[in-house]
Amino acid sequence: MNSFTLLNTDYVQLNKSWHYSNIKSIFYRLYYIDGGEGKLYNDTGTVTLEDGHLYLIPSFTTCNYECRSKLSQYYVQFMEGSADGISLFAANRRIFKIPASAEDINCVKRILLLNPNRAIKTSYNPRDYEKNDILRSYQDMNNLIPPSVFMETCGLLMQLLSRFMAADNFQIAERTMIHPKVMDAINFIQTNLLSSITVEGLAQRANQHPDYFSRLFLKNTGERPLAYVQLKRVERAQLLLITTDLPFYKIAEETGFESLSYLSRIFRNHTGQTLSDYKRQNLISQSG
């Protein structure tokens, strides 16, 4: 079962400075537009931002943002979690647009009402909000709010996502039953990225020979164990790059890489970008 937790939400009024290119966020972004006009676009097409509509950009979906004059919007940014690592929108990495019903608008406004002071920044200067340890502050807020508020917020996010899933061309990603020993290894990897993880160690947990376990893991996930570990460490590095002000060497430590140079090489292999380029590009994109 996939879960979705709030990072930030706010109502903002934007101008032509809201203009960013080739942004691929690790978060989901949902917008409700109540005035003005802009556009979102990528290599699959262009979507006009207009009054009275909801928009969704799933995580890891490349997108360009543009406002030529004025644009007012509610935005909700949130993260996805799943036990098997498969996104609910894995087969739908595109820009969604649907008319907003009265109930949809109430949901968006209710999320903001339940979660005040969750704006992603305090100014439009990226230098200001780059200094904030964004992830930790929002995790703390999720931990401190009453359980009823947390549960209602998660429910509202699911309700809004269901509206996009009802679209005619929404595709359900094929999910197969994952072998219990592989699922245990996945859970161990996701919660022990800081530790030294070896195929031998994972195989020992599963009481299997390393070669057999590696083949079983590949059959169930499409990746060899160590390639999967690298992928998850890179994803964690992406998260830390744009949600904290940790120096790069510290991010290497926090993601289990033995050195900054090793992190830099693997990160570029996976993303096609340097650490600096990725941080700069995605921090600028967080302005709403």
Protein backbone atom coordinates (compact mmCIF):
# COMPACT_ATOMS: atom_id res chain seq x y z
CA MET A 1 0.00 0.00 0.00
CA ASN A 2 1.37 3.41 -0.95
CA SER A 3 1.33 6.24 1.56
CA PHE A 4 1.56 10.01 1.04
CA THR A 5 2.75 12.55 3.60
CA LEU A 6 2.69 16.31 3.40
CA LEU A 7 5.85 18.35 3.08
CA ASN A 8 4.53 21.85 2.47
CA THR A 9 1.55 23.85 1.33
CA ASP A 10 0.72 27.51 0.80
CA TYR A 11 -1.17 30.03 -1.30
CA VAL A 12 1.07 32.24 -3.46
CA GLN A 13 0.77 34.95 -6.08
CA LEU A 14 3.46 34.68 -8.73
CA ASN A 15 4.83 36.78 -11.56
CA LYS A 16 7.10 36.30 -14.55
CA SER A 17 10.03 35.38 -12.29
CA TRP A 18 8.32 31.98 -11.93
CA HIS A 19 10.18 30.52 -14.89
CA TYR A 20 12.19 27.32 -14.46
CA SER A 21 13.43 24.67 -16.88
CA ASN A 22 14.02 20.91 -16.80
CA ILE A 23 13.03 20.35 -13.17
CA LYS A 24 12.74 16.76 -11.99
CA SER A 25 11.62 16.78 -8.37
CA ILE A 26 11.67 13.83 -5.99
CA PHE A 27 8.37 15.16 -4.60
CA TYR A 28 4.82 15.24 -5.92
CA ARG A 29 3.43 18.70 -6.67
CA LEU A 30 -0.25 19.52 -6.80
CA TYR A 31 -1.62 22.92 -7.82
CA TYR A 32 -5.02 24.55 -7.73
CA ILE A 33 -5.09 27.71 -9.85
CA ASP A 34 -7.54 30.45 -8.88
CA GLY A 35 -6.33 33.30 -11.08
CA GLY A 36 -3.98 34.30 -13.86
CA GLU A 37 -2.32 32.02 -16.37
CA GLY A 38 0.88 30.07 -16.89
CA LYS A 39 2.01 26.81 -18.38
CA LEU A 40 3.72 23.54 -17.60
CA TYR A 41 5.45 21.61 -20.35
CA ASN A 42 7.90 18.84 -21.20
CA ASP A 43 8.66 16.63 -24.17
CA THR A 44 5.20 15.02 -23.97
CA GLY A 45 3.33 18.31 -24.44
CA THR A 46 2.21 21.62 -22.95
CA VAL A 47 -0.49 22.13 -20.32
CA THR A 48 -1.98 25.59 -19.72
CA LEU A 49 -2.39 26.68 -16.11
CA GLU A 50 -5.80 28.30 -15.83
CA ASP A 51 -8.35 29.30 -13.26
CA GLY A 52 -10.51 26.53 -11.80
CA HIS A 53 -8.26 23.55 -12.54
CA LEU A 54 -6.15 21.08 -10.59
CA TYR A 55 -2.70 19.99 -11.76
CA LEU A 56 -0.46 17.16 -10.64
CA ILE A 57 3.21 16.58 -11.41
CA PRO A 58 4.22 13.13 -10.11
CA SER A 59 7.65 12.65 -8.58
CA PHE A 60 10.57 12.26 -10.97
CA THR A 61 8.59 13.83 -13.83
CA THR A 62 10.63 16.36 -15.80
CA CYS A 63 8.74 19.65 -16.12
CA ASN A 64 9.22 23.27 -17.21
CA TYR A 65 7.35 26.09 -15.44
CA GLU A 66 6.37 29.45 -16.88
CA CYS A 67 4.32 32.50 -15.92
CA ARG A 68 4.37 35.42 -18.35
CA SER A 69 2.41 37.87 -16.20
CA LYS A 70 0.53 36.85 -13.04
CA LEU A 71 -0.54 33.55 -11.53
CA SER A 72 -2.16 32.76 -8.19
CA GLN A 73 -2.16 29.21 -6.90
CA TYR A 74 -2.51 26.90 -3.96
CA TYR A 75 0.30 24.38 -3.94
CA VAL A 76 0.71 21.13 -2.06
CA GLN A 77 3.98 19.24 -2.09
CA PHE A 78 4.20 15.74 -0.65
CA MET A 79 6.19 12.53 -0.59
CA GLU A 80 5.28 8.96 -1.44
CA GLY A 81 6.27 5.82 0.37
CA SER A 82 5.71 2.16 -0.47
CA ALA A 83 6.99 -1.09 0.94
CA ASP A 84 8.08 -2.42 -2.46
CA GLY A 85 9.49 0.87 -3.75
CA ILE A 86 7.01 1.03 -6.65
CA SER A 87 5.29 4.36 -7.18
CA LEU A 88 1.55 4.49 -7.68
CA PHE A 89 2.28 6.76 -10.65
CA ALA A 90 5.19 4.72 -12.03
CA ALA A 91 3.43 4.33 -15.39
CA ASN A 92 2.16 7.92 -15.40
CA ARG A 93 5.16 10.24 -15.31
CA ARG A 94 3.36 13.11 -17.04
CA ILE A 95 1.57 16.36 -16.26
CA PHE A 96 -2.08 15.92 -15.21
CA LYS A 97 -4.83 18.51 -15.56
CA ILE A 98 -8.46 18.15 -14.45
CA PRO A 99 -11.31 20.61 -13.75
CA ALA A 100 -11.55 21.32 -10.02
CA SER A 101 -14.85 20.47 -8.38
CA ALA A 102 -16.12 22.32 -5.33
CA GLU A 103 -15.11 19.31 -3.24
CA ASP A 104 -11.59 19.34 -4.71
CA ILE A 105 -11.17 23.02 -3.85
CA ASN A 106 -12.38 22.38 -0.32
CA CYS A 107 -9.83 19.56 0.03
CA VAL A 108 -6.94 21.77 -1.05
CA LYS A 109 -8.01 24.61 1.24
CA ARG A 110 -8.60 22.19 4.09
CA ILE A 111 -5.03 20.88 3.81
CA LEU A 112 -3.73 24.43 4.11
CA LEU A 113 -6.06 25.18 7.02
CA LEU A 114 -4.97 22.05 8.89
CA ASN A 115 -1.29 22.74 8.24
CA PRO A 116 -0.48 26.43 8.72
CA ASN A 117 3.08 27.71 8.46
CA ARG A 118 4.06 25.00 6.01
CA ALA A 119 5.22 27.32 3.21
CA ILE A 120 8.38 26.10 1.54
CA LYS A 121 10.11 29.46 1.92
CA THR A 122 9.86 32.89 3.44
CA SER A 123 11.03 34.84 0.40
CA TYR A 124 11.54 34.45 -3.33
CA ASN A 125 15.31 34.51 -2.95
CA PRO A 126 16.63 30.93 -3.30
CA ARG A 127 19.60 31.87 -1.13
CA ASP A 128 17.23 32.34 1.81
CA TYR A 129 15.41 29.04 1.71
CA GLU A 130 18.53 27.12 0.70
CA LYS A 131 19.74 27.73 4.24
CA ASN A 132 16.73 26.00 5.79
CA ASP A 133 16.81 22.36 6.79
CA ILE A 134 13.47 21.92 5.07
CA LEU A 135 13.00 18.19 5.36
CA ARG A 136 13.78 17.99 9.06
CA SER A 137 11.49 20.88 9.91
CA TYR A 138 8.54 19.35 8.08
CA GLN A 139 9.19 15.91 9.48
CA ASP A 140 9.18 17.46 12.92
CA MET A 141 5.86 19.15 12.15
CA ASN A 142 4.34 15.87 11.01
CA ASN A 143 5.53 14.25 14.22
CA LEU A 144 4.21 17.04 16.42
CA ILE A 145 0.77 17.64 14.95
CA PRO A 146 -2.18 15.78 16.50
CA PRO A 147 -2.68 12.28 15.05
CA SER A 148 -6.15 13.28 13.87
CA VAL A 149 -4.70 16.14 11.79
CA PHE A 150 -1.99 13.90 10.33
CA MET A 151 -4.52 11.21 9.37
CA GLU A 152 -6.99 13.69 7.90
CA THR A 153 -4.22 15.33 5.84
CA CYS A 154 -3.09 11.96 4.48
CA GLY A 155 -6.71 11.13 3.67
CA LEU A 156 -7.20 14.42 1.83
CA LEU A 157 -4.06 13.77 -0.24
CA MET A 158 -5.35 10.32 -1.17
CA GLN A 159 -8.75 11.78 -2.08
CA LEU A 160 -7.17 14.34 -4.40
CA LEU A 161 -4.88 11.75 -5.99
CA SER A 162 -7.87 9.52 -6.67
CA ARG A 163 -9.29 12.25 -8.91
CA PHE A 164 -6.26 12.06 -11.18
CA MET A 165 -6.32 8.27 -11.14
CA ALA A 166 -9.86 8.42 -12.48
CA ALA A 167 -8.55 9.99 -15.70
CA ASP A 168 -9.30 7.88 -18.78
CA ASN A 169 -5.66 7.42 -19.73
CA PHE A 170 -4.34 6.61 -16.26
CA GLN A 171 -2.34 3.38 -16.28
CA ILE A 172 -1.93 1.10 -13.30
CA ALA A 173 1.66 -0.04 -12.98
CA GLU A 174 1.90 -3.80 -13.03
CA ARG A 175 2.75 -5.10 -9.58
CA THR A 176 3.79 -8.67 -9.02
CA MET A 177 4.09 -10.51 -5.74
CA ILE A 178 7.57 -9.99 -4.38
CA HIS A 179 9.26 -12.93 -2.71
CA PRO A 180 9.14 -12.47 1.09
CA LYS A 181 12.93 -12.80 1.39
CA VAL A 182 13.42 -10.09 -1.25
CA MET A 183 10.85 -7.86 0.46
CA ASP A 184 12.73 -8.28 3.73
CA ALA A 185 15.96 -7.29 1.94
CA ILE A 186 14.28 -4.21 0.43
CA ASN A 187 13.03 -3.09 3.83
CA PHE A 188 16.48 -3.68 5.31
CA ILE A 189 18.16 -1.67 2.53
CA GLN A 190 15.77 1.27 2.86
CA THR A 191 16.35 1.53 6.61
CA ASN A 192 20.10 0.84 6.64
CA LEU A 193 21.53 2.92 3.81
CA LEU A 194 24.16 4.31 6.19
CA SER A 195 25.53 0.84 6.86
CA SER A 196 27.80 -1.29 4.75
CA ILE A 197 25.47 -3.49 2.69
CA THR A 198 26.82 -6.51 0.83
CA VAL A 199 25.23 -9.25 -1.23
CA GLU A 200 26.70 -11.75 1.19
CA GLY A 201 25.10 -10.00 4.15
CA LEU A 202 21.69 -9.80 2.47
CA ALA A 203 21.93 -13.44 1.41
CA GLN A 204 22.83 -14.45 4.96
CA ARG A 205 19.68 -12.70 6.24
CA ALA A 206 17.70 -14.75 3.73
CA ASN A 207 19.58 -17.99 4.52
CA GLN A 208 20.46 -18.37 0.85
CA HIS A 209 23.60 -18.67 -1.24
CA PRO A 210 24.71 -15.22 -2.51
CA ASP A 211 24.49 -16.22 -6.19
CA TYR A 212 20.99 -17.64 -5.79
CA PHE A 213 19.83 -14.65 -3.73
CA SER A 214 21.22 -12.21 -6.30
CA ARG A 215 19.29 -13.96 -9.09
CA LEU A 216 16.12 -14.01 -6.98
CA PHE A 217 16.49 -10.30 -6.21
CA LEU A 218 16.99 -9.51 -9.91
CA LYS A 219 13.91 -11.54 -10.86
CA ASN A 220 11.76 -9.68 -8.34
CA THR A 221 13.06 -6.12 -8.73
CA GLY A 222 14.76 -5.92 -12.12
CA GLU A 223 18.02 -4.92 -10.40
CA ARG A 224 20.95 -6.73 -8.86
CA PRO A 225 21.15 -6.10 -5.08
CA LEU A 226 24.09 -3.69 -5.12
CA ALA A 227 22.67 -1.76 -8.09
CA TYR A 228 19.42 -1.39 -6.11
CA VAL A 229 21.37 -0.16 -3.07
CA GLN A 230 23.12 2.43 -5.24
CA LEU A 231 19.80 3.60 -6.67
CA LYS A 232 18.27 4.07 -3.22
CA ARG A 233 21.37 5.90 -1.99
CA VAL A 234 21.23 8.26 -4.96
CA GLU A 235 17.53 8.91 -4.32
CA ARG A 236 18.36 9.70 -0.66
CA ALA A 237 21.13 12.03 -1.83
CA GLN A 238 18.67 13.81 -4.12
CA LEU A 239 16.37 14.31 -1.15
CA LEU A 240 19.12 15.70 1.06
CA LEU A 241 20.47 17.99 -1.65
CA ILE A 242 17.27 19.96 -1.99
CA THR A 243 15.88 19.71 1.54
CA THR A 244 18.95 20.41 3.67
CA ASP A 245 22.01 22.64 3.70
CA LEU A 246 24.39 19.74 4.41
CA PRO A 247 27.76 20.01 2.65
CA PHE A 248 28.35 17.44 -0.07
CA TYR A 249 30.86 15.40 1.94
CA LYS A 250 28.27 15.07 4.72
CA ILE A 251 25.63 13.93 2.24
CA ALA A 252 28.06 11.23 1.10
CA GLU A 253 28.34 10.10 4.73
CA GLU A 254 24.56 10.25 5.30
CA THR A 255 23.86 8.10 2.25
CA GLY A 256 26.42 5.38 2.86
CA PHE A 257 28.96 6.32 0.17
CA GLU A 258 32.56 5.72 1.16
CA SER A 259 33.72 9.04 -0.27
CA LEU A 260 32.47 12.22 -1.90
CA SER A 261 34.19 11.34 -5.17
CA TYR A 262 32.36 7.99 -5.27
CA LEU A 263 29.02 9.67 -4.57
CA SER A 264 29.73 12.26 -7.28
CA ARG A 265 30.50 9.60 -9.88
CA ILE A 266 27.52 7.37 -9.09
CA PHE A 267 25.18 10.36 -8.79
CA ARG A 268 26.16 11.62 -12.23
CA ASN A 269 25.76 8.14 -13.73
CA HIS A 270 22.18 7.97 -12.42
CA THR A 271 21.02 11.56 -12.95
CA GLY A 272 23.24 12.95 -15.68
CA GLN A 273 24.00 15.94 -13.43
CA THR A 274 26.65 16.99 -10.96
CA LEU A 275 25.70 17.42 -7.32
CA SER A 276 26.00 21.21 -7.63
CA ASP A 277 23.88 21.42 -10.78
CA TYR A 278 21.16 19.22 -9.31
CA LYS A 279 21.00 21.20 -6.07
CA ARG A 280 20.97 24.58 -7.79
CA GLN A 281 18.36 23.65 -10.38
CA ASN A 282 15.95 22.00 -7.96
CA LEU A 283 16.29 24.56 -5.18
CA ILE A 284 15.31 27.30 -7.62
CA SER A 285 12.27 25.22 -8.63
CA GLN A 286 10.94 25.13 -5.07
CA SER A 287 9.49 28.64 -5.33
CA GLY A 288 6.01 27.26 -5.80
